[in-house]
């Protein structure tokens, strides 16, 4: 999996976890109201809460694994400049212009280093696969 693919999946998982947590909070509020009415709908809500908690736990574990894969891919880079650039871009979510200013490079050079780093990560990954 490429660095960009990992980052895209991380972003998607963060959004999904956020949505699940929002729905979980809403369902918990609804459950408090339902308890006053009848036990049957309350059971369905408790089941839904368990499902949501399980989904959040599953997605959180996947997110941790993806972060580890991302860090491993970045750490496999041969030069410290590319490591720093990829860390700033994919871990710290900095825009390229900000990275160029912070590293003292021209923006075009940052784009070139970025492309070089992604290409190296892809080659390293392909060489390590059986």
Protein backbone atom coordinates (compact mmCIF):
# COMPACT_ATOMS: atom_id res chain seq x y z
CA UNK A 1 0.00 0.00 0.00
CA UNK A 2 1.45 3.40 -0.95
CA UNK A 3 1.93 6.28 1.46
CA UNK A 4 -0.86 8.25 -0.24
CA UNK A 5 -3.23 5.28 -0.03
CA UNK A 6 -2.45 4.80 3.65
CA UNK A 7 -3.05 8.50 4.33
CA UNK A 8 -6.36 8.43 2.42
CA UNK A 9 -7.52 5.42 4.43
CA UNK A 10 -6.46 7.12 7.68
CA UNK A 11 -8.53 10.17 6.75
CA UNK A 12 -11.53 8.01 5.90
CA UNK A 13 -11.24 6.05 9.16
CA UNK A 14 -11.00 9.23 11.22
CA UNK A 15 -14.20 10.50 9.61
CA UNK A 16 -15.96 7.18 10.13
CA UNK A 17 -14.94 7.04 13.80
CA UNK A 18 -16.16 10.61 14.27
CA UNK A 19 -19.54 9.75 12.68
CA UNK A 20 -19.87 6.63 14.84
CA UNK A 21 -19.11 8.61 17.98
CA UNK A 22 -21.68 11.25 17.05
CA UNK A 23 -24.30 8.59 16.41
CA UNK A 24 -23.32 6.80 19.62
CA UNK A 25 -23.88 9.99 21.65
CA UNK A 26 -27.21 10.55 19.94
CA UNK A 27 -28.31 6.95 20.55
CA UNK A 28 -27.31 7.17 24.21
CA UNK A 29 -29.48 10.27 24.63
CA UNK A 30 -32.37 8.55 22.89
CA UNK A 31 -31.90 5.47 25.07
CA UNK A 32 -32.22 7.57 28.20
CA UNK A 33 -35.58 8.82 26.92
CA UNK A 34 -36.73 5.35 25.83
CA UNK A 35 -36.03 3.79 29.22
CA UNK A 36 -38.88 5.88 30.55
CA UNK A 37 -41.29 4.43 27.98
CA UNK A 38 -40.93 0.70 27.27
CA UNK A 39 -38.20 -1.95 27.53
CA UNK A 40 -38.52 -3.40 23.97
CA UNK A 41 -37.19 -0.35 22.08
CA UNK A 42 -34.56 0.06 24.80
CA UNK A 43 -33.20 -3.41 24.00
CA UNK A 44 -32.86 -2.50 20.31
CA UNK A 45 -31.04 0.69 21.27
CA UNK A 46 -28.67 -1.18 23.60
CA UNK A 47 -27.91 -3.60 20.77
CA UNK A 48 -27.22 -0.68 18.44
CA UNK A 49 -24.92 0.88 21.06
CA UNK A 50 -22.94 -2.35 21.33
CA UNK A 51 -22.63 -2.50 17.54
CA UNK A 52 -21.42 1.10 17.39
CA UNK A 53 -18.86 0.55 20.16
CA UNK A 54 -17.56 -2.54 18.37
CA UNK A 55 -17.27 -0.60 15.09
CA UNK A 56 -15.40 2.23 16.83
CA UNK A 57 -13.01 -0.25 18.46
CA UNK A 58 -12.42 -2.08 15.15
CA UNK A 59 -11.80 1.14 13.24
CA UNK A 60 -9.52 2.49 15.99
CA UNK A 61 -7.38 -0.66 15.86
CA UNK A 62 -7.19 -0.40 12.05
CA UNK A 63 -6.26 3.27 12.36
CA UNK A 64 -3.39 2.43 14.72
CA UNK A 65 -2.14 -0.20 12.27
CA UNK A 66 -2.27 2.25 9.39
CA UNK A 67 -0.35 4.86 11.36
CA UNK A 68 2.31 2.25 12.08
CA UNK A 69 2.49 1.34 8.38
CA UNK A 70 2.78 5.02 7.49
CA UNK A 71 5.57 5.59 10.01
CA UNK A 72 7.39 2.48 8.80
CA UNK A 73 7.15 3.65 5.18
CA UNK A 74 8.47 7.08 6.11
CA UNK A 75 11.28 5.66 8.27
CA UNK A 76 12.41 3.46 5.36
CA UNK A 77 13.44 6.56 3.41
CA UNK A 78 17.21 6.83 2.87
CA UNK A 79 17.62 10.59 3.37
CA UNK A 80 16.66 12.72 6.38
CA UNK A 81 15.29 15.48 4.12
CA UNK A 82 12.73 13.15 2.55
CA UNK A 83 11.86 11.69 5.96
CA UNK A 84 11.23 15.16 7.32
CA UNK A 85 9.20 16.20 4.28
CA UNK A 86 7.00 13.08 4.38
CA UNK A 87 6.55 13.39 8.14
CA UNK A 88 5.49 17.01 7.82
CA UNK A 89 3.12 16.18 4.95
CA UNK A 90 1.54 12.90 6.07
CA UNK A 91 1.85 12.92 9.86
CA UNK A 92 1.55 16.66 10.60
CA UNK A 93 -0.76 17.43 7.61
CA UNK A 94 1.22 20.52 6.60
CA UNK A 95 0.70 22.04 3.15
CA UNK A 96 3.61 21.98 0.71
CA UNK A 97 4.14 25.76 0.87
CA UNK A 98 4.51 25.62 4.65
CA UNK A 99 6.91 22.69 4.36
CA UNK A 100 9.02 24.59 1.83
CA UNK A 101 9.23 27.61 4.14
CA UNK A 102 10.07 25.51 7.21
CA UNK A 103 12.76 23.51 5.42
CA UNK A 104 14.17 26.50 3.52
CA UNK A 105 13.55 24.93 0.10
CA UNK A 106 11.93 26.17 -3.07
CA UNK A 107 8.38 24.86 -3.49
CA UNK A 108 9.28 23.08 -6.73
CA UNK A 109 12.14 21.31 -4.96
CA UNK A 110 9.75 20.16 -2.23
CA UNK A 111 7.46 18.69 -4.91
CA UNK A 112 10.43 16.89 -6.46
CA UNK A 113 11.61 15.51 -3.12
CA UNK A 114 8.05 14.42 -2.36
CA UNK A 115 7.75 12.55 -5.65
CA UNK A 116 11.18 11.00 -5.10
CA UNK A 117 10.17 9.86 -1.61
CA UNK A 118 6.92 8.31 -2.81
CA UNK A 119 8.78 6.53 -5.62
CA UNK A 120 11.40 5.20 -3.22
CA UNK A 121 8.73 4.00 -0.80
CA UNK A 122 6.98 2.16 -3.63
CA UNK A 123 10.22 0.53 -4.79
CA UNK A 124 11.17 -0.47 -1.24
CA UNK A 125 7.73 -2.00 -0.73
CA UNK A 126 7.89 -3.89 -4.05
CA UNK A 127 11.37 -5.23 -3.26
CA UNK A 128 10.29 -6.46 0.17
CA UNK A 129 7.30 -8.42 -1.15
CA UNK A 130 7.91 -12.11 -1.94
